[in-house]
C-alpha atoms as a PDB file:
ATOM      1  CA  MET A   1     -30.035 -42.782   3.750  1.00  0.00           C
ATOM      2  CA  LEU A   2     -31.067 -42.645   0.057  1.00  0.00           C
ATOM      3  CA  GLY A   3     -27.811 -44.416  -0.796  1.00  0.00           C
ATOM      4  CA  LEU A   4     -25.710 -41.325   0.059  1.00  0.00           C
ATOM      5  CA  ASP A   5     -22.442 -41.632   1.936  1.00  0.00           C
ATOM      6  CA  GLN A   6     -22.391 -39.530   5.122  1.00  0.00           C
ATOM      7  CA  ARG A   7     -18.666 -38.769   4.818  1.00  0.00           C
ATOM      8  CA  ALA A   8     -19.104 -37.580   1.233  1.00  0.00           C
ATOM      9  CA  LEU A   9     -21.988 -35.356   2.315  1.00  0.00           C
ATOM     10  CA  ARG A  10     -19.855 -33.777   5.047  1.00  0.00           C
ATOM     11  CA  ILE A  11     -17.063 -33.084   2.552  1.00  0.00           C
ATOM     12  CA  VAL A  12     -19.483 -31.523   0.044  1.00  0.00           C
ATOM     13  CA  TRP A  13     -21.083 -29.432   2.794  1.00  0.00           C
ATOM     14  CA  THR A  14     -17.672 -28.215   3.995  1.00  0.00           C
ATOM     15  CA  VAL A  15     -16.657 -27.260   0.459  1.00  0.00           C
ATOM     16  CA  PHE A  16     -19.964 -25.456  -0.024  1.00  0.00           C
ATOM     17  CA  LEU A  17     -19.524 -23.459   3.194  1.00  0.00           C
ATOM     18  CA  PHE A  18     -15.956 -22.555   2.235  1.00  0.00           C
ATOM     19  CA  ALA A  19     -17.059 -21.390  -1.227  1.00  0.00           C
ATOM     20  CA  LEU A  20     -19.903 -19.416   0.338  1.00  0.00           C
ATOM     21  CA  ALA A  21     -17.440 -17.726   2.705  1.00  0.00           C
ATOM     22  CA  VAL A  22     -15.139 -16.826  -0.206  1.00  0.00           C
ATOM     23  CA  VAL A  23     -18.053 -15.313  -2.130  1.00  0.00           C
ATOM     24  CA  GLY A  24     -19.147 -13.393   0.959  1.00  0.00           C
ATOM     25  CA  VAL A  25     -15.640 -11.979   1.435  1.00  0.00           C
ATOM     26  CA  TYR A  26     -15.561 -10.902  -2.213  1.00  0.00           C
ATOM     27  CA  VAL A  27     -18.936  -9.163  -1.958  1.00  0.00           C
ATOM     28  CA  VAL A  28     -17.954  -7.148   1.143  1.00  0.00           C
ATOM     29  CA  ARG A  29     -14.311  -6.647   0.116  1.00  0.00           C
ATOM     30  CA  HIS A  30     -14.551  -2.839   0.181  1.00  0.00           C
ATOM     31  CA  THR A  31     -15.830  -2.869   3.756  1.00  0.00           C
ATOM     32  CA  LEU A  32     -13.118  -5.342   4.723  1.00  0.00           C
ATOM     33  CA  VAL A  33     -10.496  -3.039   3.195  1.00  0.00           C
ATOM     34  CA  THR A  34     -11.769  -0.148   5.317  1.00  0.00           C
ATOM     35  CA  PHE A  35     -11.601  -2.226   8.507  1.00  0.00           C
ATOM     36  CA  ALA A  36      -8.173  -3.588   7.555  1.00  0.00           C
ATOM     37  CA  LEU A  37      -6.799  -0.081   7.014  1.00  0.00           C
ATOM     38  CA  ALA A  38      -8.235   0.941  10.374  1.00  0.00           C
ATOM     39  CA  LEU A  39      -6.531  -2.080  11.967  1.00  0.00           C
ATOM     40  CA  PHE A  40      -3.224  -1.106  10.359  1.00  0.00           C
ATOM     41  CA  LEU A  41      -3.615   2.477  11.578  1.00  0.00           C
ATOM     42  CA  ALA A  42      -4.334   1.186  15.080  1.00  0.00           C
ATOM     43  CA  HIS A  43      -1.120  -0.863  15.034  1.00  0.00           C
ATOM     44  CA  LEU A  44       0.778   2.218  13.892  1.00  0.00           C
ATOM     45  CA  ILE A  45      -0.589   4.502  16.604  1.00  0.00           C
ATOM     46  CA  SER A  46      -0.767   1.986  19.454  1.00  0.00           C
ATOM     47  CA  PRO A  47       2.898   2.347  20.611  1.00  0.00           C
ATOM     48  CA  ILE A  48       2.516   6.126  20.802  1.00  0.00           C
ATOM     49  CA  VAL A  49      -0.664   5.739  22.842  1.00  0.00           C
ATOM     50  CA  THR A  50       1.079   3.295  25.177  1.00  0.00           C
ATOM     51  CA  LEU A  51       4.024   5.690  25.623  1.00  0.00           C
ATOM     52  CA  VAL A  52       1.752   8.650  26.393  1.00  0.00           C
ATOM     53  CA  ASP A  53      -0.336   6.518  28.736  1.00  0.00           C
ATOM     54  CA  ARG A  54       2.811   5.466  30.617  1.00  0.00           C
ATOM     55  CA  PHE A  55       3.668   9.070  31.483  1.00  0.00           C
ATOM     56  CA  THR A  56       0.060  10.077  32.160  1.00  0.00           C
ATOM     57  CA  PRO A  57      -1.081  10.264  35.805  1.00  0.00           C
ATOM     58  CA  ALA A  58      -2.997   7.222  37.005  1.00  0.00           C
ATOM     59  CA  GLN A  59      -6.181   9.189  37.609  1.00  0.00           C
ATOM     60  CA  VAL A  60      -6.362  10.156  33.920  1.00  0.00           C
ATOM     61  CA  PRO A  61      -8.184   7.432  31.924  1.00  0.00           C
ATOM     62  CA  ARG A  62      -6.498   5.738  28.970  1.00  0.00           C
ATOM     63  CA  ASN A  63      -9.139   7.155  26.623  1.00  0.00           C
ATOM     64  CA  ALA A  64      -7.846  10.616  27.469  1.00  0.00           C
ATOM     65  CA  ALA A  65      -4.320   9.597  26.445  1.00  0.00           C
ATOM     66  CA  LEU A  66      -5.727   8.190  23.220  1.00  0.00           C
ATOM     67  CA  GLY A  67      -7.602  11.428  22.560  1.00  0.00           C
ATOM     68  CA  ILE A  68      -4.458  13.489  23.188  1.00  0.00           C
ATOM     69  CA  VAL A  69      -2.485  11.346  20.745  1.00  0.00           C
ATOM     70  CA  TYR A  70      -5.184  11.724  18.097  1.00  0.00           C
ATOM     71  CA  VAL A  71      -5.313  15.512  18.441  1.00  0.00           C
ATOM     72  CA  VAL A  72      -1.521  15.842  18.315  1.00  0.00           C
ATOM     73  CA  LEU A  73      -1.164  13.498  15.328  1.00  0.00           C
ATOM     74  CA  ILE A  74      -3.946  15.191  13.377  1.00  0.00           C
ATOM     75  CA  GLY A  75      -2.383  18.588  14.076  1.00  0.00           C
ATOM     76  CA  ALA A  76       1.064  17.357  13.019  1.00  0.00           C
ATOM     77  CA  PHE A  77      -0.390  15.773   9.884  1.00  0.00           C
ATOM     78  CA  ILE A  78      -2.183  18.973   8.888  1.00  0.00           C
ATOM     79  CA  ALA A  79       0.876  21.130   9.657  1.00  0.00           C
ATOM     80  CA  THR A  80       3.035  18.855   7.492  1.00  0.00           C
ATOM     81  CA  MET A  81       0.624  18.341   4.607  1.00  0.00           C
ATOM     82  CA  ILE A  82      -0.298  22.001   4.056  1.00  0.00           C
ATOM     83  CA  PRO A  83       3.151  23.183   2.871  1.00  0.00           C
ATOM     84  CA  LEU A  84       4.009  19.806   1.349  1.00  0.00           C
ATOM     85  CA  GLY A  85       0.665  19.606  -0.464  1.00  0.00           C
ATOM     86  CA  SER A  86       1.118  23.129  -1.784  1.00  0.00           C
ATOM     87  CA  ALA A  87       4.553  22.263  -3.182  1.00  0.00           C
ATOM     88  CA  ILE A  88       3.264  19.059  -4.791  1.00  0.00           C
ATOM     89  CA  ALA A  89       0.243  20.871  -6.240  1.00  0.00           C
ATOM     90  CA  GLU A  90       2.509  23.571  -7.673  1.00  0.00           C
ATOM     91  CA  ASP A  91       4.752  20.981  -9.361  1.00  0.00           C
ATOM     92  CA  ALA A  92       1.735  19.044 -10.637  1.00  0.00           C
ATOM     93  CA  THR A  93       0.185  22.207 -12.089  1.00  0.00           C
ATOM     94  CA  SER A  94       3.423  23.155 -13.798  1.00  0.00           C
ATOM     95  CA  LEU A  95       3.843  19.654 -15.250  1.00  0.00           C
ATOM     96  CA  ALA A  96       0.222  19.519 -16.432  1.00  0.00           C
ATOM     97  CA  ARG A  97       0.630  22.885 -18.149  1.00  0.00           C
ATOM     98  CA  LYS A  98       3.868  21.990 -19.963  1.00  0.00           C
ATOM     99  CA  LEU A  99       3.301  18.326 -20.744  1.00  0.00           C
ATOM    100  CA  PRO A 100       0.775  18.759 -23.633  1.00  0.00           C
ATOM    101  CA  ASP A 101       3.155  21.099 -25.480  1.00  0.00           C
ATOM    102  CA  LEU A 102       6.057  18.717 -24.954  1.00  0.00           C
ATOM    103  CA  LEU A 103       4.052  15.812 -26.323  1.00  0.00           C
ATOM    104  CA  LYS A 104       2.882  17.801 -29.346  1.00  0.00           C
ATOM    105  CA  GLU A 105       6.443  18.667 -30.310  1.00  0.00           C
ATOM    106  CA  ASP A 106       7.989  15.213 -30.031  1.00  0.00           C
ATOM    107  CA  PRO A 107       7.160  12.853 -27.146  1.00  0.00           C
ATOM    108  CA  LEU A 108      10.624  11.257 -27.356  1.00  0.00           C
ATOM    109  CA  GLY A 109      12.643  14.226 -28.582  1.00  0.00           C
ATOM    110  CA  ARG A 110      13.954  15.065 -25.098  1.00  0.00           C
ATOM    111  CA  LEU A 111      14.272  11.467 -23.944  1.00  0.00           C
ATOM    112  CA  PRO A 112      17.551   9.750 -24.891  1.00  0.00           C
ATOM    113  CA  LEU A 113      17.082   6.205 -26.175  1.00  0.00           C
ATOM    114  CA  PRO A 114      19.508   3.291 -26.311  1.00  0.00           C
ATOM    115  CA  GLY A 115      21.447   2.966 -29.553  1.00  0.00           C
ATOM    116  CA  TRP A 116      19.472  -0.056 -30.697  1.00  0.00           C
ATOM    117  CA  LEU A 117      16.216   1.922 -30.449  1.00  0.00           C
ATOM    118  CA  GLU A 118      17.402   5.040 -32.296  1.00  0.00           C
ATOM    119  CA  PRO A 119      16.626   3.614 -35.792  1.00  0.00           C
ATOM    120  CA  ILE A 120      12.952   3.183 -34.870  1.00  0.00           C
ATOM    121  CA  ARG A 121      12.567   6.484 -32.981  1.00  0.00           C
ATOM    122  CA  ALA A 122      10.352   7.903 -35.738  1.00  0.00           C
ATOM    123  CA  ARG A 123       8.043   4.888 -35.576  1.00  0.00           C
ATOM    124  CA  LEU A 124       7.745   5.190 -31.803  1.00  0.00           C
ATOM    125  CA  VAL A 125       6.921   8.891 -32.081  1.00  0.00           C
ATOM    126  CA  GLU A 126       4.257   8.184 -34.691  1.00  0.00           C
ATOM    127  CA  ALA A 127       2.719   5.422 -32.563  1.00  0.00           C
ATOM    128  CA  ILE A 128       2.524   7.728 -29.533  1.00  0.00           C
ATOM    129  CA  LYS A 129       0.935  10.504 -31.608  1.00  0.00           C
ATOM    130  CA  GLN A 130      -1.664   8.082 -32.970  1.00  0.00           C
ATOM    131  CA  TRP A 131      -2.473   6.990 -29.445  1.00  0.00           C
ATOM    132  CA  LEU A 132      -2.892  10.630 -28.384  1.00  0.00           C
ATOM    133  CA  ASN A 133      -5.257  11.208 -31.316  1.00  0.00           C
ATOM    134  CA  GLN A 134      -7.339   8.213 -30.254  1.00  0.00           C
ATOM    135  CA  VAL A 135      -7.535   9.601 -26.738  1.00  0.00           C
ATOM    136  CA  SER A 136      -8.751  12.966 -28.061  1.00  0.00           C
ATOM    137  CA  GLU A 137     -11.376  11.277 -30.241  1.00  0.00           C
ATOM    138  CA  ASN A 138     -12.706   9.388 -27.214  1.00  0.00           C
ATOM    139  CA  ALA A 139     -12.948  12.484 -25.051  1.00  0.00           C
ATOM    140  CA  VAL A 140     -16.621  12.006 -24.186  1.00  0.00           C
ATOM    141  CA  PRO A 141     -16.248   8.435 -22.859  1.00  0.00           C
ATOM    142  CA  LEU A 142     -13.147   9.578 -20.981  1.00  0.00           C
ATOM    143  CA  ILE A 143     -15.039  12.407 -19.299  1.00  0.00           C
ATOM    144  CA  SER A 144     -17.834  10.015 -18.362  1.00  0.00           C
ATOM    145  CA  ARG A 145     -15.343   7.603 -16.840  1.00  0.00           C
ATOM    146  CA  LEU A 146     -13.707  10.422 -14.864  1.00  0.00           C
ATOM    147  CA  ALA A 147     -17.130  11.494 -13.596  1.00  0.00           C
ATOM    148  CA  GLY A 148     -17.784   7.962 -12.400  1.00  0.00           C
ATOM    149  CA  GLN A 149     -14.434   7.908 -10.634  1.00  0.00           C
ATOM    150  CA  LEU A 150     -15.304  11.198  -8.973  1.00  0.00           C
ATOM    151  CA  LEU A 151     -18.566   9.770  -7.663  1.00  0.00           C
ATOM    152  CA  SER A 152     -16.811   6.668  -6.399  1.00  0.00           C
ATOM    153  CA  GLY A 153     -14.251   8.963  -4.797  1.00  0.00           C
ATOM    154  CA  LEU A 154     -16.988  10.245  -2.498  1.00  0.00           C
ATOM    155  CA  GLY A 155     -17.096   6.778  -0.989  1.00  0.00           C
ATOM    156  CA  ALA A 156     -13.341   6.980  -0.491  1.00  0.00           C
ATOM    157  CA  VAL A 157     -13.827  10.209   1.460  1.00  0.00           C
ATOM    158  CA  VAL A 158     -16.332   8.468   3.728  1.00  0.00           C
ATOM    159  CA  SER A 159     -13.867   5.624   4.258  1.00  0.00           C
ATOM    160  CA  ALA A 160     -11.115   8.129   5.065  1.00  0.00           C
ATOM    161  CA  VAL A 161     -13.327   9.555   7.819  1.00  0.00           C
ATOM    162  CA  LEU A 162     -14.304   6.121   9.141  1.00  0.00           C
ATOM    163  CA  ILE A 163     -10.777   4.702   9.285  1.00  0.00           C
ATOM    164  CA  PRO A 164      -9.522   6.907  12.188  1.00  0.00           C
ATOM    165  CA  ILE A 165     -12.784   6.319  14.061  1.00  0.00           C
ATOM    166  CA  LEU A 166     -12.532   2.548  13.677  1.00  0.00           C
ATOM    167  CA  ALA A 167      -8.845   2.670  14.628  1.00  0.00           C
ATOM    168  CA  PHE A 168      -9.832   4.509  17.829  1.00  0.00           C
ATOM    169  CA  PHE A 169     -12.132   1.657  18.824  1.00  0.00           C
ATOM    170  CA  PHE A 170      -9.555  -0.976  17.863  1.00  0.00           C
ATOM    171  CA  ILE A 171      -7.028   0.637  20.207  1.00  0.00           C
ATOM    172  CA  LYS A 172      -9.581   1.310  22.925  1.00  0.00           C
ATOM    173  CA  ASP A 173     -11.161  -2.158  22.969  1.00  0.00           C
ATOM    174  CA  GLY A 174      -8.414  -4.251  21.364  1.00  0.00           C
ATOM    175  CA  LYS A 175      -7.700  -6.408  24.420  1.00  0.00           C
ATOM    176  CA  THR A 176     -11.389  -7.005  24.981  1.00  0.00           C
ATOM    177  CA  LEU A 177     -11.938  -8.026  21.357  1.00  0.00           C
ATOM    178  CA  ARG A 178      -8.976 -10.412  21.475  1.00  0.00           C
ATOM    179  CA  ARG A 179     -10.270 -11.977  24.699  1.00  0.00           C
ATOM    180  CA  GLU A 180     -13.738 -12.421  23.208  1.00  0.00           C
ATOM    181  CA  ILE A 181     -12.287 -14.125  20.134  1.00  0.00           C
ATOM    182  CA  VAL A 182     -10.196 -16.504  22.234  1.00  0.00           C
ATOM    183  CA  THR A 183     -13.042 -17.424  24.578  1.00  0.00           C
ATOM    184  CA  SER A 184     -15.348 -18.160  21.625  1.00  0.00           C
ATOM    185  CA  PHE A 185     -13.264 -21.282  20.893  1.00  0.00           C
ATOM    186  CA  PRO A 186     -13.346 -24.531  22.876  1.00  0.00           C
ATOM    187  CA  GLN A 187     -11.006 -24.657  25.868  1.00  0.00           C
ATOM    188  CA  PRO A 188      -8.385 -26.990  24.289  1.00  0.00           C
ATOM    189  CA  GLN A 189      -7.985 -24.693  21.285  1.00  0.00           C
ATOM    190  CA  ARG A 190      -7.736 -21.400  23.170  1.00  0.00           C
ATOM    191  CA  PRO A 191      -3.938 -21.432  23.741  1.00  0.00           C
ATOM    192  CA  LEU A 192      -3.338 -21.980  20.020  1.00  0.00           C
ATOM    193  CA  VAL A 193      -5.758 -19.208  19.056  1.00  0.00           C
ATOM    194  CA  ALA A 194      -4.130 -16.834  21.551  1.00  0.00           C
ATOM    195  CA  GLU A 195      -0.685 -17.609  20.120  1.00  0.00           C
ATOM    196  CA  ILE A 196      -1.886 -17.031  16.537  1.00  0.00           C
ATOM    197  CA  LEU A 197      -3.502 -13.710  17.455  1.00  0.00           C
ATOM    198  CA  ALA A 198      -0.346 -12.593  19.243  1.00  0.00           C
ATOM    199  CA  ASP A 199       1.770 -13.518  16.224  1.00  0.00           C
ATOM    200  CA  LEU A 200      -0.595 -11.691  13.862  1.00  0.00           C
ATOM    201  CA  HIS A 201      -0.448  -8.616  16.086  1.00  0.00           C
ATOM    202  CA  VAL A 202       3.362  -8.545  15.870  1.00  0.00           C
ATOM    203  CA  LEU A 203       3.282  -9.282  12.134  1.00  0.00           C
ATOM    204  CA  PHE A 204       0.891  -6.467  11.228  1.00  0.00           C
ATOM    205  CA  ALA A 205       2.626  -4.010  13.564  1.00  0.00           C
ATOM    206  CA  GLN A 206       6.041  -4.697  12.027  1.00  0.00           C
ATOM    207  CA  TYR A 207       4.685  -4.572   8.485  1.00  0.00           C
ATOM    208  CA  ILE A 208       2.838  -1.267   8.697  1.00  0.00           C
ATOM    209  CA  ARG A 209       5.610   0.477  10.652  1.00  0.00           C
ATOM    210  CA  ALA A 210       8.182  -0.789   8.147  1.00  0.00           C
ATOM    211  CA  LEU A 211       6.094   0.539   5.256  1.00  0.00           C
ATOM    212  CA  VAL A 212       5.814   3.973   6.855  1.00  0.00           C
ATOM    213  CA  ILE A 213       9.564   4.159   7.495  1.00  0.00           C
ATOM    214  CA  LEU A 214      10.368   2.925   3.972  1.00  0.00           C
ATOM    215  CA  SER A 215       8.011   5.496   2.428  1.00  0.00           C
ATOM    216  CA  MET A 216       9.497   8.319   4.513  1.00  0.00           C
ATOM    217  CA  ALA A 217      13.039   7.199   3.638  1.00  0.00           C
ATOM    218  CA  THR A 218      12.106   7.119  -0.055  1.00  0.00           C
ATOM    219  CA  PHE A 219      10.591  10.595   0.045  1.00  0.00           C
ATOM    220  CA  VAL A 220      13.534  12.164   1.872  1.00  0.00           C
ATOM    221  CA  SER A 221      16.170  10.392  -0.248  1.00  0.00           C
ATOM    222  CA  TYR A 222      14.503  11.123  -3.590  1.00  0.00           C
ATOM    223  CA  LEU A 223      13.738  14.726  -2.675  1.00  0.00           C
ATOM    224  CA  ALA A 224      17.311  15.364  -1.519  1.00  0.00           C
ATOM    225  CA  PHE A 225      18.919  13.776  -4.563  1.00  0.00           C
ATOM    226  CA  LEU A 226      16.571  15.293  -7.151  1.00  0.00           C
ATOM    227  CA  GLY A 227      17.005  18.685  -5.516  1.00  0.00           C
ATOM    228  CA  ILE A 228      20.810  18.408  -5.471  1.00  0.00           C
ATOM    229  CA  VAL A 229      21.101  17.401  -9.140  1.00  0.00           C
ATOM    230  CA  GLY A 230      18.527  20.006 -10.183  1.00  0.00           C
ATOM    231  CA  ALA A 231      15.940  17.618 -11.620  1.00  0.00           C
ATOM    232  CA  PRO A 232      12.505  19.133 -12.408  1.00  0.00           C
ATOM    233  CA  TYR A 233       9.430  18.547 -10.240  1.00  0.00           C
ATOM    234  CA  ALA A 234      11.477  17.118  -7.345  1.00  0.00           C
ATOM    235  CA  VAL A 235       8.734  17.388  -4.703  1.00  0.00           C
ATOM    236  CA  LEU A 236       6.057  15.864  -6.940  1.00  0.00           C
ATOM    237  CA  LEU A 237       8.233  12.947  -8.052  1.00  0.00           C
ATOM    238  CA  ALA A 238       9.486  12.233  -4.526  1.00  0.00           C
ATOM    239  CA  GLY A 239       5.948  12.286  -3.132  1.00  0.00           C
ATOM    240  CA  MET A 240       4.693   9.994  -5.885  1.00  0.00           C
ATOM    241  CA  ALA A 241       7.565   7.536  -5.278  1.00  0.00           C
ATOM    242  CA  ALA A 242       6.853   7.533  -1.527  1.00  0.00           C
ATOM    243  CA  VAL A 243       3.183   6.677  -2.106  1.00  0.00           C
ATOM    244  CA  LEU A 244       4.016   3.943  -4.630  1.00  0.00           C
ATOM    245  CA  GLU A 245       6.493   2.429  -2.161  1.00  0.00           C
ATOM    246  CA  VAL A 246       3.604   0.824  -0.250  1.00  0.00           C
ATOM    247  CA  ILE A 247       2.598  -1.223  -3.329  1.00  0.00           C
ATOM    248  CA  PRO A 248       4.690  -4.414  -3.363  1.00  0.00           C
ATOM    249  CA  ALA A 249       6.953  -5.128  -6.351  1.00  0.00           C
ATOM    250  CA  VAL A 250       5.019  -3.011  -8.874  1.00  0.00           C
ATOM    251  CA  GLY A 251       4.999   0.312  -7.015  1.00  0.00           C
ATOM    252  CA  PRO A 252       8.753   1.016  -6.821  1.00  0.00           C
ATOM    253  CA  PHE A 253       9.207   0.069 -10.486  1.00  0.00           C
ATOM    254  CA  LEU A 254       6.414   2.417 -11.606  1.00  0.00           C
ATOM    255  CA  GLY A 255       7.836   5.209  -9.464  1.00  0.00           C
ATOM    256  CA  ALA A 256      11.331   4.841 -10.935  1.00  0.00           C
ATOM    257  CA  ALA A 257      10.032   4.609 -14.515  1.00  0.00           C
ATOM    258  CA  THR A 258       7.854   7.703 -14.077  1.00  0.00           C
ATOM    259  CA  ILE A 259      10.756   9.711 -12.644  1.00  0.00           C
ATOM    260  CA  LEU A 260      12.959   8.827 -15.628  1.00  0.00           C
ATOM    261  CA  ILE A 261      10.229   9.625 -18.177  1.00  0.00           C
ATOM    262  CA  VAL A 262       9.229  12.936 -16.581  1.00  0.00           C
ATOM    263  CA  ALA A 263      12.846  14.027 -16.175  1.00  0.00           C
ATOM    264  CA  GLY A 264      13.660  13.057 -19.771  1.00  0.00           C
ATOM    265  CA  THR A 265      10.650  14.724 -21.366  1.00  0.00           C
ATOM    266  CA  GLY A 266      11.145  17.755 -19.137  1.00  0.00           C
ATOM    267  CA  GLY A 267      14.473  18.497 -20.786  1.00  0.00           C
ATOM    268  CA  TYR A 268      16.773  17.227 -18.001  1.00  0.00           C
ATOM    269  CA  SER A 269      20.024  16.114 -19.654  1.00  0.00           C
ATOM    270  CA  HIS A 270      21.691  14.229 -16.785  1.00  0.00           C
ATOM    271  CA  TRP A 271      19.151  11.409 -16.710  1.00  0.00           C
ATOM    272  CA  ALA A 272      21.952   8.831 -16.336  1.00  0.00           C
ATOM    273  CA  LEU A 273      22.666  10.197 -12.841  1.00  0.00           C
ATOM    274  CA  ILE A 274      19.060   9.579 -11.874  1.00  0.00           C
ATOM    275  CA  LEU A 275      19.193   6.045 -13.270  1.00  0.00           C
ATOM    276  CA  ILE A 276      22.348   5.243 -11.282  1.00  0.00           C
ATOM    277  CA  PHE A 277      20.809   6.671  -8.118  1.00  0.00           C
ATOM    278  CA  LEU A 278      17.601   4.664  -8.579  1.00  0.00           C
ATOM    279  CA  VAL A 279      19.535   1.416  -9.022  1.00  0.00           C
ATOM    280  CA  VAL A 280      21.773   2.051  -5.992  1.00  0.00           C
ATOM    281  CA  TYR A 281      18.862   3.124  -3.819  1.00  0.00           C
ATOM    282  CA  ARG A 282      16.784   0.075  -4.743  1.00  0.00           C
ATOM    283  CA  ILE A 283      19.679  -2.221  -3.825  1.00  0.00           C
ATOM    284  CA  PHE A 284      20.029  -0.461  -0.466  1.00  0.00           C
ATOM    285  CA  GLN A 285      16.274  -0.437   0.127  1.00  0.00           C
ATOM    286  CA  ASP A 286      15.609  -4.054  -0.830  1.00  0.00           C
ATOM    287  CA  TYR A 287      18.694  -5.723   0.627  1.00  0.00           C
ATOM    288  CA  VAL A 288      19.655  -3.545   3.615  1.00  0.00           C
ATOM    289  CA  LEU A 289      16.880  -1.328   4.948  1.00  0.00           C
ATOM    290  CA  SER A 290      13.828  -3.506   4.286  1.00  0.00           C
ATOM    291  CA  PRO A 291      15.295  -6.713   5.821  1.00  0.00           C
ATOM    292  CA  ALA A 292      16.380  -4.697   8.860  1.00  0.00           C
ATOM    293  CA  LEU A 293      12.836  -3.385   9.403  1.00  0.00           C
ATOM    294  CA  MET A 294      10.892  -6.556   8.628  1.00  0.00           C
ATOM    295  CA  SER A 295      11.351  -9.788  10.524  1.00  0.00           C
ATOM    296  CA  ALA A 296      11.711 -13.168   8.840  1.00  0.00           C
ATOM    297  CA  GLY A 297       7.984 -13.753   9.356  1.00  0.00           C
ATOM    298  CA  VAL A 298       7.063 -10.695   7.310  1.00  0.00           C
ATOM    299  CA  GLN A 299       9.414 -11.354   4.413  1.00  0.00           C
ATOM    300  CA  VAL A 300       7.827 -13.340   1.599  1.00  0.00           C
ATOM    301  CA  HIS A 301       9.484 -15.017  -1.383  1.00  0.00           C
ATOM    302  CA  PRO A 302       9.417 -12.813  -4.522  1.00  0.00           C
ATOM    303  CA  LEU A 303       7.422 -15.431  -6.450  1.00  0.00           C
ATOM    304  CA  LEU A 304       4.718 -15.393  -3.780  1.00  0.00           C
ATOM    305  CA  VAL A 305       4.779 -11.594  -3.794  1.00  0.00           C
ATOM    306  CA  LEU A 306       4.186 -11.480  -7.560  1.00  0.00           C
ATOM    307  CA  PHE A 307       1.458 -14.118  -7.266  1.00  0.00           C
ATOM    308  CA  GLY A 308      -0.215 -12.155  -4.477  1.00  0.00           C
ATOM    309  CA  VAL A 309       0.066  -8.883  -6.388  1.00  0.00           C
ATOM    310  CA  LEU A 310      -1.630 -10.355  -9.457  1.00  0.00           C
ATOM    311  CA  CYS A 311      -4.366 -12.049  -7.444  1.00  0.00           C
ATOM    312  CA  GLY A 312      -4.915  -8.968  -5.276  1.00  0.00           C
ATOM    313  CA  ALA A 313      -5.239  -6.752  -8.343  1.00  0.00           C
ATOM    314  CA  GLU A 314      -7.896  -9.062  -9.786  1.00  0.00           C
ATOM    315  CA  ILE A 315      -9.862  -9.226  -6.532  1.00  0.00           C
ATOM    316  CA  ALA A 316      -9.751  -5.678  -5.175  1.00  0.00           C
ATOM    317  CA  GLY A 317      -7.541  -3.527  -7.408  1.00  0.00           C
ATOM    318  CA  VAL A 318      -4.921  -1.361  -5.694  1.00  0.00           C
ATOM    319  CA  PRO A 319      -6.096  -2.248  -2.138  1.00  0.00           C
ATOM    320  CA  GLY A 320      -5.763  -5.904  -3.066  1.00  0.00           C
ATOM    321  CA  ILE A 321      -2.187  -5.332  -4.208  1.00  0.00           C
ATOM    322  CA  PHE A 322      -1.417  -3.513  -0.954  1.00  0.00           C
ATOM    323  CA  PHE A 323      -2.814  -6.268   1.263  1.00  0.00           C
ATOM    324  CA  SER A 324      -1.371  -9.172  -0.733  1.00  0.00           C
ATOM    325  CA  VAL A 325       1.904  -9.402   1.200  1.00  0.00           C
ATOM    326  CA  PRO A 326       0.459  -9.218   4.750  1.00  0.00           C
ATOM    327  CA  VAL A 327      -2.269 -11.723   3.847  1.00  0.00           C
ATOM    328  CA  ILE A 328       0.257 -14.215   2.460  1.00  0.00           C
ATOM    329  CA  ALA A 329       2.545 -13.655   5.449  1.00  0.00           C
ATOM    330  CA  ALA A 330      -0.383 -14.158   7.853  1.00  0.00           C
ATOM    331  CA  LEU A 331      -1.430 -17.412   6.142  1.00  0.00           C
ATOM    332  CA  ARG A 332       2.163 -18.620   6.283  1.00  0.00           C
ATOM    333  CA  LEU A 333       2.336 -17.773   9.982  1.00  0.00           C
ATOM    334  CA  ILE A 334      -0.906 -19.635  10.751  1.00  0.00           C
ATOM    335  CA  VAL A 335       0.267 -22.723   8.857  1.00  0.00           C
ATOM    336  CA  VAL A 336       3.575 -22.717  10.761  1.00  0.00           C
ATOM    337  CA  ARG A 337       1.755 -22.459  14.088  1.00  0.00           C
ATOM    338  CA  LEU A 338      -0.601 -25.305  13.202  1.00  0.00           C
ATOM    339  CA  ARG A 339       2.316 -27.512  12.130  1.00  0.00           C
ATOM    340  CA  ARG A 340       4.164 -26.828  15.372  1.00  0.00           C
ATOM    341  CA  ARG A 341       1.036 -27.627  17.362  1.00  0.00           C
ATOM    342  CA  SER A 342       0.450 -30.902  15.508  1.00  0.00           C
ATOM    343  CA  SER A 343       4.094 -31.981  15.815  1.00  0.00           C
ATOM    344  CA  ALA A 344       4.118 -31.199  19.543  1.00  0.00           C
ATOM    345  CA  ALA A 345       0.966 -33.244  20.009  1.00  0.00           C
END
């Protein structure tokens, strides 16, 4: 009809629908991040709910076990975060009070530099002071930007309230949702869809539990070491490193660099001990602990991790960086399943 090839029209229409779907995902990316975090939280809590439900009498509904787990976890979280948050806030207040004076004196005066950088120390100090002057001159735009971040932070508070609620429904109706998704496909494709969903369930569960364990191990290890060697702001630096641990590739590097800079500018003289500890701990974390916690399906090649981090940062900022590894691992898993299905056929 009209000299148009039907096959070419189908290809163009498919490409158009795919592009439309990509645009739609980008537009609602913040909502998708909220639901994804809720799904991750559900995978984290689900084993505890199953364990409690196993020891709960049969006449008690599963929703009651889920409610008990939520109350206990919220209470434990509050009991842990109150003293920990107070210690972190105290260190942060102390650092914020001392840091301006330290920078006014000499930003690099307390930070030892390699021998090849010593001849240009004065130039580096002057460059940092010029940058600080530019920041002070642009105080008004900076305040406006901080006000905008505060307003956007209100949305983050709403998301923080919604995430546990959505996770509750994911755990409560997870089997029903999975069954509805499988039955929405034609009968011949249902076994493949069920296998992919089962694999994704295991993948996400292993990934989020591994991240939690790695973050806790980082916090405990950093806090113990920094406390033993007498480094300043041990609780603040350990907490910051634990949070940054969930950001692939970039997070651990930023955490280590910040610890060295804060310790150096804070007047700590044994910064070489911290550097040695950071190197040893990263080797243990990356080559021993992380492979033991994550299966082969979760582990992704470093090049793909860096590619995903850069793309995720462009698409959704920090949440995009966080979700880059599980998304790449999930796509890899789906491709492997499809290849196995086609080869078996």
